[in-house]
Amino acid sequence: MGRLKQLLPIGNKPAVRQCAETLISSGIADVVVVLAPSGQEIEGAINDLPLNIDFNEDPESEMADSVRSGLRVLDPSSTGILICLCDHPLVSPETVKTLIRFHGEFPDKIIIPAYNGKKGHPTLFPAAAIAEMAEGIALKDVIRKDPKRVRQVDVADEGVVLDMDTMEDYRMISRRALP
């Protein structure tokens, strides 16, 4: 998009703050935000929130590398990890709570939300998958490795499939975020 989409306003706050506040209001106690080395401006948008900030020192790395970076500061007793993308800022707290509830019912499953049959984000990975990620396996390969351990959860939240990859996407998401 040519600009930091994490700082684009969604309603009256930056997208990164919108996402972090959704996680916090959903009851997640151990929120970790992974930023690029140049992410100080993004850090400034969230540094007053009760979360941990980690820096992935390789700005050219893949998302899985950022996840592995964040695992360093994750509470080791975590039973799962919810990987949330800042470019999906309209995911509701209710959807996050639903994913957490399903994780409680199916603690060994990878939980993926779907809206009208289309898979979206965030994805909740169980502890066993966290270990695989730490070993260097790519996220998509963790999911594909054993399709029987993946559970798709239908949600009534279009936010799971609304992605900000273009300015047109951003304008549409901004309109939907208006009260």
N, C-alpha and C. Protein backbone atom coordinates (compact mmCIF):
# COMPACT_ATOMS: atom_id res chain seq x y z
N MET A 1 0.81 -1.20 0.00
CA MET A 1 0.00 0.00 0.00
C MET A 1 0.85 1.26 0.00
N GLY A 2 2.14 1.10 0.23
CA GLY A 2 3.01 2.26 0.21
C GLY A 2 3.03 3.06 1.50
N ARG A 3 2.37 2.57 2.52
CA ARG A 3 2.35 3.24 3.83
C ARG A 3 2.12 2.20 4.91
N LEU A 4 2.35 2.61 6.14
CA LEU A 4 2.18 1.68 7.27
C LEU A 4 0.69 1.46 7.53
N LYS A 5 0.19 0.32 7.07
CA LYS A 5 -1.24 0.08 7.27
C LYS A 5 -1.59 -0.11 8.74
N GLN A 6 -0.60 -0.46 9.56
CA GLN A 6 -0.85 -0.59 10.99
C GLN A 6 -1.29 0.74 11.61
N LEU A 7 -0.90 1.85 10.99
CA LEU A 7 -1.21 3.17 11.54
C LEU A 7 -2.39 3.84 10.84
N LEU A 8 -2.95 3.21 9.82
CA LEU A 8 -4.12 3.79 9.16
C LEU A 8 -5.28 3.82 10.15
N PRO A 9 -6.01 4.93 10.21
CA PRO A 9 -7.10 5.01 11.19
C PRO A 9 -8.30 4.14 10.82
N ILE A 10 -8.75 3.42 11.81
CA ILE A 10 -9.99 2.66 11.73
C ILE A 10 -10.90 3.29 12.77
N GLY A 11 -11.89 4.02 12.31
CA GLY A 11 -12.66 4.84 13.25
C GLY A 11 -11.73 5.93 13.75
N ASN A 12 -11.54 5.98 15.04
CA ASN A 12 -10.71 7.04 15.63
C ASN A 12 -9.39 6.54 16.20
N LYS A 13 -8.95 5.36 15.76
CA LYS A 13 -7.69 4.81 16.29
C LYS A 13 -6.93 4.07 15.20
N PRO A 14 -5.62 3.95 15.35
CA PRO A 14 -4.83 3.20 14.37
C PRO A 14 -5.24 1.73 14.33
N ALA A 15 -5.11 1.12 13.17
CA ALA A 15 -5.51 -0.29 12.99
C ALA A 15 -4.84 -1.20 14.02
N VAL A 16 -3.55 -0.98 14.30
CA VAL A 16 -2.85 -1.83 15.26
C VAL A 16 -3.47 -1.72 16.65
N ARG A 17 -3.89 -0.54 17.02
CA ARG A 17 -4.52 -0.36 18.33
C ARG A 17 -5.90 -1.02 18.35
N GLN A 18 -6.64 -0.86 17.26
CA GLN A 18 -7.95 -1.51 17.15
C GLN A 18 -7.81 -3.02 17.38
N CYS A 19 -6.84 -3.62 16.71
CA CYS A 19 -6.63 -5.07 16.84
C CYS A 19 -6.20 -5.46 18.26
N ALA A 20 -5.26 -4.72 18.82
CA ALA A 20 -4.78 -5.03 20.17
C ALA A 20 -5.90 -4.89 21.20
N GLU A 21 -6.69 -3.83 21.09
CA GLU A 21 -7.79 -3.63 22.03
C GLU A 21 -8.85 -4.73 21.89
N THR A 22 -9.06 -5.23 20.68
CA THR A 22 -9.99 -6.35 20.49
C THR A 22 -9.51 -7.57 21.26
N LEU A 23 -8.23 -7.87 21.16
CA LEU A 23 -7.68 -9.03 21.86
C LEU A 23 -7.77 -8.86 23.37
N ILE A 24 -7.41 -7.69 23.84
CA ILE A 24 -7.43 -7.43 25.28
C ILE A 24 -8.86 -7.51 25.81
N SER A 25 -9.81 -6.90 25.09
CA SER A 25 -11.20 -6.92 25.55
C SER A 25 -11.82 -8.30 25.45
N SER A 26 -11.18 -9.20 24.71
CA SER A 26 -11.66 -10.57 24.59
C SER A 26 -11.20 -11.44 25.74
N GLY A 27 -10.37 -10.89 26.60
CA GLY A 27 -9.90 -11.64 27.76
C GLY A 27 -8.55 -12.29 27.59
N ILE A 28 -7.86 -12.02 26.51
CA ILE A 28 -6.52 -12.60 26.33
C ILE A 28 -5.55 -11.82 27.20
N ALA A 29 -4.90 -12.53 28.10
CA ALA A 29 -4.02 -11.88 29.08
C ALA A 29 -2.60 -11.69 28.56
N ASP A 30 -2.17 -12.52 27.63
CA ASP A 30 -0.79 -12.49 27.16
C ASP A 30 -0.78 -12.11 25.68
N VAL A 31 -0.87 -10.82 25.40
CA VAL A 31 -0.86 -10.33 24.02
C VAL A 31 0.56 -9.91 23.68
N VAL A 32 1.06 -10.42 22.56
CA VAL A 32 2.40 -10.08 22.09
C VAL A 32 2.25 -9.47 20.70
N VAL A 33 2.81 -8.30 20.50
CA VAL A 33 2.81 -7.64 19.20
C VAL A 33 4.24 -7.67 18.68
N VAL A 34 4.41 -8.21 17.49
CA VAL A 34 5.73 -8.30 16.88
C VAL A 34 5.84 -7.23 15.80
N LEU A 35 6.89 -6.43 15.92
CA LEU A 35 7.12 -5.32 14.99
C LEU A 35 8.45 -5.48 14.28
N ALA A 36 8.56 -4.81 13.13
CA ALA A 36 9.84 -4.75 12.41
C ALA A 36 10.78 -3.86 13.20
N PRO A 37 12.08 -3.93 12.92
CA PRO A 37 13.04 -3.09 13.64
C PRO A 37 12.71 -1.60 13.57
N SER A 38 12.07 -1.19 12.50
CA SER A 38 11.72 0.23 12.33
C SER A 38 10.33 0.55 12.86
N GLY A 39 9.79 -0.28 13.73
CA GLY A 39 8.42 -0.14 14.18
C GLY A 39 8.18 0.77 15.37
N GLN A 40 9.08 1.70 15.65
CA GLN A 40 8.91 2.57 16.82
C GLN A 40 7.63 3.42 16.73
N GLU A 41 7.29 3.87 15.53
CA GLU A 41 6.07 4.68 15.39
C GLU A 41 4.83 3.83 15.70
N ILE A 42 4.85 2.60 15.26
CA ILE A 42 3.75 1.68 15.56
C ILE A 42 3.73 1.39 17.05
N GLU A 43 4.89 1.16 17.62
CA GLU A 43 4.99 0.92 19.07
C GLU A 43 4.36 2.07 19.85
N GLY A 44 4.57 3.29 19.39
CA GLY A 44 4.01 4.45 20.07
C GLY A 44 2.49 4.46 20.09
N ALA A 45 1.86 3.79 19.15
CA ALA A 45 0.40 3.74 19.10
C ALA A 45 -0.20 2.75 20.09
N ILE A 46 0.64 1.87 20.67
CA ILE A 46 0.10 0.81 21.54
C ILE A 46 0.86 0.65 22.85
N ASN A 47 1.93 1.42 23.06
CA ASN A 47 2.80 1.15 24.21
C ASN A 47 2.16 1.42 25.56
N ASP A 48 0.97 2.02 25.59
CA ASP A 48 0.28 2.22 26.86
C ASP A 48 -0.70 1.09 27.17
N LEU A 49 -0.78 0.10 26.29
CA LEU A 49 -1.70 -1.03 26.49
C LEU A 49 -0.99 -2.16 27.24
N PRO A 50 -1.76 -3.00 27.94
CA PRO A 50 -1.15 -4.12 28.68
C PRO A 50 -0.80 -5.28 27.73
N LEU A 51 0.34 -5.13 27.06
CA LEU A 51 0.81 -6.14 26.12
C LEU A 51 2.32 -6.13 26.06
N ASN A 52 2.87 -7.14 25.43
CA ASN A 52 4.31 -7.23 25.24
C ASN A 52 4.64 -6.90 23.80
N ILE A 53 5.72 -6.18 23.60
CA ILE A 53 6.17 -5.83 22.25
C ILE A 53 7.51 -6.51 22.02
N ASP A 54 7.61 -7.16 20.88
CA ASP A 54 8.84 -7.82 20.48
C ASP A 54 9.21 -7.31 19.09
N PHE A 55 10.49 -7.31 18.78
CA PHE A 55 10.94 -6.85 17.48
C PHE A 55 11.56 -8.01 16.71
N ASN A 56 11.05 -8.25 15.52
CA ASN A 56 11.65 -9.22 14.61
C ASN A 56 12.78 -8.48 13.91
N GLU A 57 13.99 -8.86 14.16
CA GLU A 57 15.15 -8.11 13.67
C GLU A 57 15.39 -8.24 12.16
N ASP A 58 14.65 -9.12 11.48
CA ASP A 58 14.83 -9.28 10.05
C ASP A 58 13.59 -8.77 9.32
N PRO A 59 13.64 -7.54 8.81
CA PRO A 59 12.46 -6.95 8.17
C PRO A 59 12.04 -7.66 6.88
N GLU A 60 12.91 -8.47 6.31
CA GLU A 60 12.59 -9.17 5.06
C GLU A 60 12.07 -10.58 5.30
N SER A 61 11.87 -10.96 6.55
CA SER A 61 11.48 -12.32 6.87
C SER A 61 9.99 -12.56 6.61
N GLU A 62 9.60 -13.81 6.70
CA GLU A 62 8.21 -14.21 6.51
C GLU A 62 7.44 -14.06 7.82
N MET A 63 6.12 -14.14 7.71
CA MET A 63 5.28 -14.01 8.90
C MET A 63 5.64 -15.07 9.95
N ALA A 64 5.96 -16.27 9.52
CA ALA A 64 6.32 -17.32 10.48
C ALA A 64 7.52 -16.92 11.33
N ASP A 65 8.44 -16.15 10.74
CA ASP A 65 9.60 -15.70 11.51
C ASP A 65 9.18 -14.69 12.58
N SER A 66 8.20 -13.86 12.26
CA SER A 66 7.68 -12.94 13.28
C SER A 66 6.98 -13.71 14.39
N VAL A 67 6.27 -14.76 14.02
CA VAL A 67 5.62 -15.60 15.03
C VAL A 67 6.68 -16.22 15.93
N ARG A 68 7.72 -16.78 15.32
CA ARG A 68 8.80 -17.38 16.13
C ARG A 68 9.45 -16.34 17.03
N SER A 69 9.60 -15.13 16.55
CA SER A 69 10.16 -14.06 17.37
C SER A 69 9.26 -13.81 18.59
N GLY A 70 7.97 -13.73 18.34
CA GLY A 70 7.02 -13.50 19.43
C GLY A 70 6.96 -14.63 20.42
N LEU A 71 7.24 -15.85 19.98
CA LEU A 71 7.22 -17.00 20.89
C LEU A 71 8.24 -16.85 22.02
N ARG A 72 9.29 -16.07 21.76
CA ARG A 72 10.33 -15.88 22.79
C ARG A 72 9.78 -15.18 24.02
N VAL A 73 8.77 -14.35 23.85
CA VAL A 73 8.24 -13.60 24.99
C VAL A 73 6.86 -14.11 25.43
N LEU A 74 6.38 -15.17 24.80
CA LEU A 74 5.10 -15.76 25.14
C LEU A 74 5.21 -16.54 26.45
N ASP A 75 4.18 -16.49 27.24
CA ASP A 75 4.12 -17.28 28.46
C ASP A 75 4.25 -18.75 28.09
N PRO A 76 5.26 -19.46 28.61
CA PRO A 76 5.48 -20.86 28.22
C PRO A 76 4.34 -21.79 28.62
N SER A 77 3.46 -21.35 29.50
CA SER A 77 2.33 -22.21 29.88
C SER A 77 1.13 -22.03 28.95
N SER A 78 1.28 -21.23 27.92
CA SER A 78 0.17 -21.00 26.98
C SER A 78 -0.25 -22.31 26.32
N THR A 79 -1.54 -22.52 26.24
CA THR A 79 -2.07 -23.73 25.60
C THR A 79 -2.33 -23.52 24.12
N GLY A 80 -2.22 -22.29 23.68
CA GLY A 80 -2.45 -21.99 22.28
C GLY A 80 -1.95 -20.60 21.96
N ILE A 81 -1.91 -20.32 20.66
CA ILE A 81 -1.49 -19.00 20.20
C ILE A 81 -2.46 -18.57 19.11
N LEU A 82 -3.00 -17.40 19.27
CA LEU A 82 -3.93 -16.82 18.31
C LEU A 82 -3.13 -15.85 17.45
N ILE A 83 -2.97 -16.18 16.19
CA ILE A 83 -2.19 -15.32 15.30
C ILE A 83 -3.15 -14.37 14.61
N CYS A 84 -3.01 -13.11 14.97
CA CYS A 84 -3.89 -12.06 14.47
C CYS A 84 -3.11 -11.14 13.55
N LEU A 85 -3.76 -10.74 12.49
CA LEU A 85 -3.11 -9.87 11.52
C LEU A 85 -3.69 -8.47 11.64
N CYS A 86 -2.81 -7.51 11.65
CA CYS A 86 -3.21 -6.12 11.81
C CYS A 86 -4.04 -5.63 10.63
N ASP A 87 -3.95 -6.31 9.50
CA ASP A 87 -4.73 -5.86 8.36
C ASP A 87 -6.13 -6.49 8.30
N HIS A 88 -6.54 -7.08 9.42
CA HIS A 88 -7.92 -7.57 9.60
C HIS A 88 -8.50 -6.87 10.85
N PRO A 89 -8.64 -5.55 10.81
CA PRO A 89 -8.99 -4.81 12.02
C PRO A 89 -10.45 -4.88 12.47
N LEU A 90 -11.32 -5.49 11.68
CA LEU A 90 -12.73 -5.51 12.06
C LEU A 90 -13.17 -6.80 12.74
N VAL A 91 -12.23 -7.69 13.02
CA VAL A 91 -12.58 -8.91 13.76
C VAL A 91 -13.14 -8.49 15.11
N SER A 92 -14.26 -9.08 15.48
CA SER A 92 -14.93 -8.66 16.72
C SER A 92 -14.40 -9.42 17.94
N PRO A 93 -14.54 -8.81 19.11
CA PRO A 93 -14.18 -9.53 20.35
C PRO A 93 -14.99 -10.82 20.51
N GLU A 94 -16.24 -10.82 20.06
CA GLU A 94 -17.07 -12.02 20.17
C GLU A 94 -16.48 -13.17 19.36
N THR A 95 -15.93 -12.85 18.18
CA THR A 95 -15.31 -13.90 17.36
C THR A 95 -14.08 -14.46 18.07
N VAL A 96 -13.27 -13.59 18.64
CA VAL A 96 -12.09 -14.06 19.37
C VAL A 96 -12.52 -14.95 20.53
N LYS A 97 -13.54 -14.54 21.26
CA LYS A 97 -14.05 -15.36 22.37
C LYS A 97 -14.55 -16.71 21.86
N THR A 98 -15.18 -16.74 20.69
CA THR A 98 -15.65 -17.99 20.10
C THR A 98 -14.48 -18.91 19.80
N LEU A 99 -13.42 -18.37 19.22
CA LEU A 99 -12.24 -19.18 18.93
C LEU A 99 -11.61 -19.73 20.20
N ILE A 100 -11.56 -18.91 21.23
CA ILE A 100 -11.01 -19.35 22.52
C ILE A 100 -11.88 -20.46 23.11
N ARG A 101 -13.20 -20.29 23.02
CA ARG A 101 -14.12 -21.31 23.54
C ARG A 101 -13.91 -22.64 22.80
N PHE A 102 -13.79 -22.58 21.47
CA PHE A 102 -13.56 -23.81 20.70
C PHE A 102 -12.21 -24.42 21.05
N HIS A 103 -11.22 -23.58 21.33
CA HIS A 103 -9.92 -24.11 21.76
C HIS A 103 -10.07 -24.87 23.08
N GLY A 104 -10.90 -24.36 23.97
CA GLY A 104 -11.15 -25.07 25.23
C GLY A 104 -11.82 -26.41 25.01
N GLU A 105 -12.70 -26.48 24.02
CA GLU A 105 -13.41 -27.73 23.72
C GLU A 105 -12.56 -28.69 22.90
N PHE A 106 -11.69 -28.15 22.06
CA PHE A 106 -10.86 -28.95 21.16
C PHE A 106 -9.40 -28.48 21.27
N PRO A 107 -8.75 -28.73 22.41
CA PRO A 107 -7.43 -28.15 22.69
C PRO A 107 -6.31 -28.59 21.75
N ASP A 108 -6.51 -29.66 20.98
CA ASP A 108 -5.47 -30.13 20.07
C ASP A 108 -5.72 -29.72 18.62
N LYS A 109 -6.76 -28.94 18.39
CA LYS A 109 -7.14 -28.55 17.02
C LYS A 109 -6.62 -27.16 16.67
N ILE A 110 -6.34 -26.98 15.39
CA ILE A 110 -6.07 -25.66 14.83
C ILE A 110 -7.45 -25.10 14.49
N ILE A 111 -7.78 -23.95 15.04
CA ILE A 111 -9.11 -23.37 14.89
C ILE A 111 -9.04 -22.22 13.88
N ILE A 112 -9.82 -22.34 12.80
CA ILE A 112 -9.83 -21.31 11.75
C ILE A 112 -11.26 -20.80 11.59
N PRO A 113 -11.48 -19.49 11.71
CA PRO A 113 -12.83 -18.97 11.51
C PRO A 113 -13.18 -18.91 10.03
N ALA A 114 -14.48 -19.00 9.74
CA ALA A 114 -14.94 -18.89 8.36
C ALA A 114 -16.22 -18.05 8.35
N TYR A 115 -16.31 -17.22 7.34
CA TYR A 115 -17.51 -16.40 7.14
C TYR A 115 -18.09 -16.77 5.78
N ASN A 116 -19.33 -17.23 5.78
CA ASN A 116 -19.99 -17.69 4.55
C ASN A 116 -19.12 -18.69 3.78
N GLY A 117 -18.50 -19.60 4.52
CA GLY A 117 -17.70 -20.66 3.91
C GLY A 117 -16.28 -20.27 3.53
N LYS A 118 -15.93 -19.01 3.68
CA LYS A 118 -14.59 -18.55 3.33
C LYS A 118 -13.73 -18.48 4.58
N LYS A 119 -12.60 -19.18 4.56
CA LYS A 119 -11.69 -19.17 5.71
C LYS A 119 -11.09 -17.78 5.89
N GLY A 120 -10.85 -17.40 7.16
CA GLY A 120 -10.30 -16.09 7.45
C GLY A 120 -9.27 -16.12 8.57
N HIS A 121 -9.18 -15.01 9.25
CA HIS A 121 -8.22 -14.81 10.35
C HIS A 121 -8.96 -14.20 11.52
N PRO A 122 -8.49 -14.37 12.71
CA PRO A 122 -7.23 -15.00 13.14
C PRO A 122 -7.34 -16.52 13.24
N THR A 123 -6.19 -17.17 13.29
CA THR A 123 -6.12 -18.62 13.44
C THR A 123 -5.54 -18.93 14.81
N LEU A 124 -6.15 -19.90 15.48
CA LEU A 124 -5.68 -20.31 16.80
C LEU A 124 -4.97 -21.66 16.67
N PHE A 125 -3.70 -21.67 17.06
CA PHE A 125 -2.89 -22.88 16.99
C PHE A 125 -2.71 -23.46 18.39
N PRO A 126 -2.84 -24.79 18.54
CA PRO A 126 -2.64 -25.43 19.86
C PRO A 126 -1.16 -25.53 20.22
N ALA A 127 -0.91 -25.92 21.45
CA ALA A 127 0.46 -26.01 21.96
C ALA A 127 1.37 -26.87 21.08
N ALA A 128 0.86 -28.00 20.58
CA ALA A 128 1.70 -28.86 19.73
C ALA A 128 2.14 -28.12 18.48
N ALA A 129 1.27 -27.33 17.93
CA ALA A 129 1.62 -26.56 16.72
C ALA A 129 2.61 -25.45 17.05
N ILE A 130 2.52 -24.92 18.26
CA ILE A 130 3.48 -23.90 18.68
C ILE A 130 4.89 -24.49 18.65
N ALA A 131 5.02 -25.71 19.13
CA ALA A 131 6.32 -26.38 19.11
C ALA A 131 6.81 -26.56 17.67
N GLU A 132 5.90 -26.90 16.75
CA GLU A 132 6.29 -27.06 15.35
C GLU A 132 6.75 -25.72 14.76
N MET A 133 6.05 -24.65 15.11
CA MET A 133 6.44 -23.32 14.62
C MET A 133 7.84 -22.96 15.13
N ALA A 134 8.09 -23.28 16.39
CA ALA A 134 9.39 -22.96 16.98
C ALA A 134 10.51 -23.71 16.27
N GLU A 135 10.19 -24.88 15.71
CA GLU A 135 11.18 -25.68 14.99
C GLU A 135 11.46 -25.15 13.59
N GLY A 136 10.67 -24.19 13.13
CA GLY A 136 10.92 -23.60 11.83
C GLY A 136 9.95 -23.98 10.73
N ILE A 137 8.90 -24.70 11.05
CA ILE A 137 7.92 -25.08 10.04
C ILE A 137 7.05 -23.86 9.71
N ALA A 138 6.80 -23.63 8.44
CA ALA A 138 5.98 -22.51 8.01
C ALA A 138 4.54 -22.70 8.47
N LEU A 139 3.84 -21.59 8.73
CA LEU A 139 2.47 -21.66 9.24
C LEU A 139 1.55 -22.46 8.33
N LYS A 140 1.61 -22.20 7.03
CA LYS A 140 0.73 -22.93 6.11
C LYS A 140 1.04 -24.42 6.12
N ASP A 141 2.31 -24.78 6.33
CA ASP A 141 2.68 -26.19 6.40
C ASP A 141 2.21 -26.84 7.70
N VAL A 142 2.19 -26.07 8.77
CA VAL A 142 1.65 -26.58 10.04
C VAL A 142 0.18 -26.92 9.84
N ILE A 143 -0.54 -26.05 9.12
CA ILE A 143 -1.97 -26.28 8.88
C ILE A 143 -2.17 -27.47 7.93
N ARG A 144 -1.38 -27.54 6.89
CA ARG A 144 -1.54 -28.60 5.88
C ARG A 144 -1.03 -29.96 6.34
N LYS A 145 -0.17 -29.97 7.33
CA LYS A 145 0.49 -31.20 7.77
C LYS A 145 -0.51 -32.30 8.12
N ASP A 146 -1.57 -31.95 8.80
CA ASP A 146 -2.56 -32.94 9.22
C ASP A 146 -3.95 -32.30 9.19
N PRO A 147 -4.63 -32.39 8.05
CA PRO A 147 -5.94 -31.74 7.92
C PRO A 147 -6.96 -32.17 8.97
N LYS A 148 -6.77 -33.35 9.56
CA LYS A 148 -7.73 -33.82 10.58
C LYS A 148 -7.65 -33.01 11.87
N ARG A 149 -6.55 -32.32 12.08
CA ARG A 149 -6.46 -31.52 13.30
C ARG A 149 -6.92 -30.08 13.10
N VAL A 150 -7.42 -29.76 11.91
CA VAL A 150 -7.94 -28.42 11.62
C VAL A 150 -9.45 -28.43 11.81
N ARG A 151 -9.94 -27.45 12.54
CA ARG A 151 -11.38 -27.30 12.75
C ARG A 151 -11.80 -25.91 12.27
N GLN A 152 -12.67 -25.90 11.29
CA GLN A 152 -13.20 -24.64 10.79
C GLN A 152 -14.43 -24.29 11.61
N VAL A 153 -14.49 -23.03 12.05
CA VAL A 153 -15.60 -22.56 12.88
C VAL A 153 -16.33 -21.45 12.12
N ASP A 154 -17.59 -21.68 11.84
CA ASP A 154 -18.39 -20.67 11.15
C ASP A 154 -18.73 -19.55 12.12
N VAL A 155 -18.49 -18.32 11.69
CA VAL A 155 -18.79 -17.14 12.49
C VAL A 155 -19.62 -16.18 11.66
N ALA A 156 -20.37 -15.33 12.32
CA ALA A 156 -21.20 -14.33 11.65
C ALA A 156 -20.46 -13.00 11.57
N ASP A 157 -19.14 -13.05 11.49
CA ASP A 157 -18.29 -11.87 11.54
C ASP A 157 -17.53 -11.73 10.23
N GLU A 158 -18.00 -10.83 9.37
CA GLU A 158 -17.34 -10.61 8.09
C GLU A 158 -15.91 -10.11 8.27
N GLY A 159 -15.61 -9.53 9.44
CA GLY A 159 -14.27 -9.02 9.71
C GLY A 159 -13.17 -10.05 9.55
N VAL A 160 -13.49 -11.33 9.68
CA VAL A 160 -12.45 -12.36 9.56
C VAL A 160 -11.94 -12.50 8.13
N VAL A 161 -12.70 -12.01 7.15
CA VAL A 161 -12.28 -12.12 5.75
C VAL A 161 -11.99 -10.77 5.10
N LEU A 162 -12.18 -9.68 5.85
CA LEU A 162 -11.91 -8.35 5.31
C LEU A 162 -10.46 -7.97 5.56
N ASP A 163 -9.70 -7.89 4.49
CA ASP A 163 -8.25 -7.72 4.54
C ASP A 163 -7.87 -6.39 3.90
N MET A 164 -6.98 -5.64 4.54
CA MET A 164 -6.53 -4.34 4.02
C MET A 164 -5.24 -4.50 3.23
N ASP A 165 -5.35 -4.87 1.96
CA ASP A 165 -4.16 -5.00 1.13
C ASP A 165 -4.01 -3.85 0.14
N THR A 166 -5.10 -3.16 -0.14
CA THR A 166 -5.06 -2.04 -1.08
C THR A 166 -5.77 -0.85 -0.44
N MET A 167 -5.58 0.32 -1.04
CA MET A 167 -6.29 1.50 -0.53
C MET A 167 -7.80 1.34 -0.70
N GLU A 168 -8.22 0.66 -1.74
CA GLU A 168 -9.65 0.39 -1.92
C GLU A 168 -10.17 -0.47 -0.77
N ASP A 169 -9.41 -1.52 -0.39
CA ASP A 169 -9.78 -2.35 0.76
C ASP A 169 -9.89 -1.49 2.01
N TYR A 170 -8.89 -0.64 2.21
CA TYR A 170 -8.87 0.22 3.40
C TYR A 170 -10.10 1.13 3.45
N ARG A 171 -10.43 1.76 2.32
CA ARG A 171 -11.59 2.66 2.30
C ARG A 171 -12.88 1.90 2.63
N MET A 172 -13.02 0.70 2.08
CA MET A 172 -14.20 -0.12 2.37
C MET A 172 -14.26 -0.49 3.85
N ILE A 173 -13.15 -0.91 4.42
CA ILE A 173 -13.10 -1.27 5.84
C ILE A 173 -13.38 -0.05 6.70
N SER A 174 -12.84 1.09 6.33
CA SER A 174 -13.09 2.33 7.09
C SER A 174 -14.58 2.67 7.10
N ARG A 175 -15.23 2.52 5.96
CA ARG A 175 -16.68 2.79 5.90
C ARG A 175 -17.44 1.84 6.81
N ARG A 176 -17.06 0.58 6.83
CA ARG A 176 -17.76 -0.41 7.66
C ARG A 176 -17.50 -0.20 9.14
N ALA A 177 -16.39 0.44 9.46
CA ALA A 177 -16.04 0.66 10.87
C ALA A 177 -16.83 1.83 11.47
N LEU A 178 -17.45 2.63 10.62
CA LEU A 178 -18.20 3.79 11.14
C LEU A 178 -19.39 3.30 11.95
N PRO A 179 -19.69 4.00 13.08
CA PRO A 179 -20.80 3.55 13.92
C PRO A 179 -22.14 3.67 13.22
